[in-house]
Structures are given as C-alpha cells and as structure tokens.
C-alpha cells in the first residue's frame, strides 16, 4: 500500500455538524472530526492502521 498522498481523499460535512473524511478506494478508510483538520488528522491515523494491517 502506498502513501495517503497517492489516493483521492473525499471530505464533506455531515448532517450533525461534523466532518467526514474518507478514501473511497480503500474499504473502511474513513474518519470524522469536529473540524476539517480533525477529520483529516483522524484519517491519517486510520490509513496508517490499515496500511500496517496489510503488511504481512
């Protein structure tokens, strides 16, 4: 798996006033936050966990 910079990241506001960030090409790679910056930071952590899981 490559770096997060190699993937398209989608960021959008949610109905409850938070923000959702996701990588559509990777199942389960999504995160939310109270701000855009928080959602992006959480997505980096999720991406790193998924990448580490696929390293066998």
N, C-alpha and C. Protein backbone atom coordinates (compact mmCIF):
# COMPACT_ATOMS: atom_id res chain seq x y z
N UNK A 1 0.85 -1.17 0.00
CA UNK A 1 0.00 0.00 0.00
C UNK A 1 0.90 1.24 0.00
N UNK A 2 0.51 2.19 -0.76
CA UNK A 2 1.31 3.40 -0.90
C UNK A 2 0.98 4.41 0.20
N UNK A 3 1.45 5.60 0.01
CA UNK A 3 1.20 6.70 0.94
C UNK A 3 -0.21 7.26 0.72
N UNK A 4 -0.74 7.91 1.74
CA UNK A 4 -2.06 8.52 1.62
C UNK A 4 -2.09 9.57 0.51
N UNK A 5 -0.95 10.18 0.22
CA UNK A 5 -0.87 11.19 -0.84
C UNK A 5 -1.16 10.60 -2.22
N UNK A 6 -1.08 9.27 -2.35
CA UNK A 6 -1.33 8.62 -3.62
C UNK A 6 -2.81 8.30 -3.86
N UNK A 7 -3.66 8.66 -2.91
CA UNK A 7 -5.09 8.35 -3.00
C UNK A 7 -5.93 9.62 -3.00
N UNK A 8 -7.10 9.51 -3.59
CA UNK A 8 -8.06 10.60 -3.54
C UNK A 8 -8.75 10.59 -2.19
N UNK A 9 -8.76 11.72 -1.53
CA UNK A 9 -9.43 11.87 -0.23
C UNK A 9 -10.67 12.73 -0.45
N UNK A 10 -11.81 12.26 0.07
CA UNK A 10 -13.06 13.00 -0.03
C UNK A 10 -13.40 13.52 1.36
N UNK A 11 -13.71 14.78 1.45
CA UNK A 11 -14.04 15.41 2.72
C UNK A 11 -15.37 16.13 2.55
N UNK A 12 -16.31 15.88 3.46
CA UNK A 12 -17.60 16.56 3.36
C UNK A 12 -18.21 16.76 4.74
N UNK A 13 -19.06 17.77 4.88
CA UNK A 13 -19.75 17.98 6.15
C UNK A 13 -20.81 16.91 6.35
N UNK A 14 -21.02 16.52 7.59
CA UNK A 14 -22.06 15.54 7.93
C UNK A 14 -23.30 16.29 8.42
N UNK A 15 -24.40 15.59 8.51
CA UNK A 15 -25.65 16.21 8.92
C UNK A 15 -25.62 16.77 10.34
N UNK A 16 -24.76 16.24 11.19
CA UNK A 16 -24.74 16.64 12.59
C UNK A 16 -23.72 17.73 12.89
N UNK A 17 -23.16 18.37 11.86
CA UNK A 17 -22.22 19.46 12.06
C UNK A 17 -20.76 19.04 12.15
N UNK A 18 -20.49 17.75 12.01
CA UNK A 18 -19.11 17.27 12.00
C UNK A 18 -18.66 17.12 10.55
N UNK A 19 -17.44 16.64 10.37
CA UNK A 19 -16.90 16.43 9.03
C UNK A 19 -16.45 14.99 8.87
N UNK A 20 -16.65 14.46 7.68
CA UNK A 20 -16.27 13.09 7.36
C UNK A 20 -15.19 13.15 6.29
N UNK A 21 -14.15 12.34 6.48
CA UNK A 21 -13.05 12.25 5.53
C UNK A 21 -12.88 10.78 5.18
N UNK A 22 -12.73 10.48 3.89
CA UNK A 22 -12.59 9.07 3.51
C UNK A 22 -11.74 8.91 2.25
N UNK A 23 -11.26 7.69 2.09
CA UNK A 23 -10.54 7.28 0.88
C UNK A 23 -11.42 6.23 0.21
N UNK A 24 -12.17 6.60 -0.82
CA UNK A 24 -13.11 5.68 -1.46
C UNK A 24 -12.46 4.40 -2.00
N UNK A 25 -11.20 4.45 -2.36
CA UNK A 25 -10.53 3.28 -2.94
C UNK A 25 -10.16 2.22 -1.89
N UNK A 26 -10.27 2.56 -0.60
CA UNK A 26 -9.88 1.63 0.46
C UNK A 26 -11.07 1.42 1.39
N UNK A 27 -11.61 0.22 1.38
CA UNK A 27 -12.76 -0.10 2.23
C UNK A 27 -12.41 0.13 3.70
N UNK A 28 -13.30 0.82 4.40
CA UNK A 28 -13.10 1.06 5.82
C UNK A 28 -12.19 2.21 6.17
N UNK A 29 -11.68 2.91 5.17
CA UNK A 29 -10.76 4.01 5.43
C UNK A 29 -11.55 5.31 5.47
N UNK A 30 -12.13 5.59 6.62
CA UNK A 30 -12.89 6.81 6.82
C UNK A 30 -12.78 7.25 8.27
N UNK A 31 -12.99 8.53 8.49
CA UNK A 31 -12.88 9.10 9.84
C UNK A 31 -13.75 10.35 9.90
N UNK A 32 -14.02 10.80 11.11
CA UNK A 32 -14.79 12.02 11.28
C UNK A 32 -14.13 12.89 12.34
N UNK A 33 -14.50 14.15 12.34
CA UNK A 33 -13.98 15.06 13.34
C UNK A 33 -14.87 16.27 13.48
N UNK A 34 -14.66 17.03 14.55
CA UNK A 34 -15.45 18.23 14.80
C UNK A 34 -15.08 19.35 13.82
N UNK A 35 -13.85 19.29 13.30
CA UNK A 35 -13.38 20.28 12.33
C UNK A 35 -12.80 19.53 11.12
N UNK A 36 -12.57 20.26 10.04
CA UNK A 36 -11.94 19.68 8.86
C UNK A 36 -10.56 19.12 9.22
N UNK A 37 -9.82 19.90 9.99
CA UNK A 37 -8.46 19.49 10.37
C UNK A 37 -8.47 18.22 11.22
N UNK A 38 -9.42 18.12 12.13
CA UNK A 38 -9.52 16.93 12.98
C UNK A 38 -9.89 15.70 12.15
N UNK A 39 -10.80 15.86 11.21
CA UNK A 39 -11.19 14.74 10.35
C UNK A 39 -10.00 14.27 9.51
N UNK A 40 -9.22 15.20 9.00
CA UNK A 40 -8.04 14.85 8.21
C UNK A 40 -6.99 14.14 9.06
N UNK A 41 -6.77 14.63 10.27
CA UNK A 41 -5.78 14.02 11.17
C UNK A 41 -6.21 12.60 11.55
N UNK A 42 -7.49 12.42 11.81
CA UNK A 42 -8.01 11.08 12.14
C UNK A 42 -7.86 10.14 10.95
N UNK A 43 -8.10 10.65 9.74
CA UNK A 43 -7.97 9.82 8.55
C UNK A 43 -6.54 9.32 8.38
N UNK A 44 -5.58 10.16 8.69
CA UNK A 44 -4.17 9.74 8.60
C UNK A 44 -3.92 8.56 9.55
N UNK A 45 -4.46 8.63 10.76
CA UNK A 45 -4.29 7.54 11.71
C UNK A 45 -4.96 6.26 11.24
N UNK A 46 -6.17 6.38 10.69
CA UNK A 46 -6.88 5.21 10.18
C UNK A 46 -6.11 4.60 9.01
N UNK A 47 -5.64 5.44 8.10
CA UNK A 47 -4.88 4.96 6.96
C UNK A 47 -3.63 4.21 7.43
N UNK A 48 -2.92 4.76 8.40
CA UNK A 48 -1.72 4.10 8.92
C UNK A 48 -2.04 2.75 9.55
N UNK A 49 -3.15 2.65 10.27
CA UNK A 49 -3.55 1.37 10.87
C UNK A 49 -3.86 0.34 9.79
N UNK A 50 -4.60 0.76 8.76
CA UNK A 50 -4.95 -0.16 7.67
C UNK A 50 -3.68 -0.59 6.93
N UNK A 51 -2.79 0.35 6.67
CA UNK A 51 -1.55 0.01 5.96
C UNK A 51 -0.72 -0.97 6.77
N UNK A 52 -0.63 -0.76 8.08
CA UNK A 52 0.13 -1.67 8.94
C UNK A 52 -0.49 -3.06 8.97
N UNK A 53 -1.82 -3.14 8.91
CA UNK A 53 -2.50 -4.43 8.92
C UNK A 53 -2.20 -5.24 7.66
N UNK A 54 -2.04 -4.56 6.53
CA UNK A 54 -1.80 -5.25 5.27
C UNK A 54 -0.34 -5.61 5.07
N UNK A 55 0.56 -5.13 5.92
CA UNK A 55 1.97 -5.53 5.85
C UNK A 55 2.09 -6.89 6.54
N UNK A 56 2.35 -7.88 5.76
CA UNK A 56 2.43 -9.25 6.31
C UNK A 56 3.84 -9.74 6.24
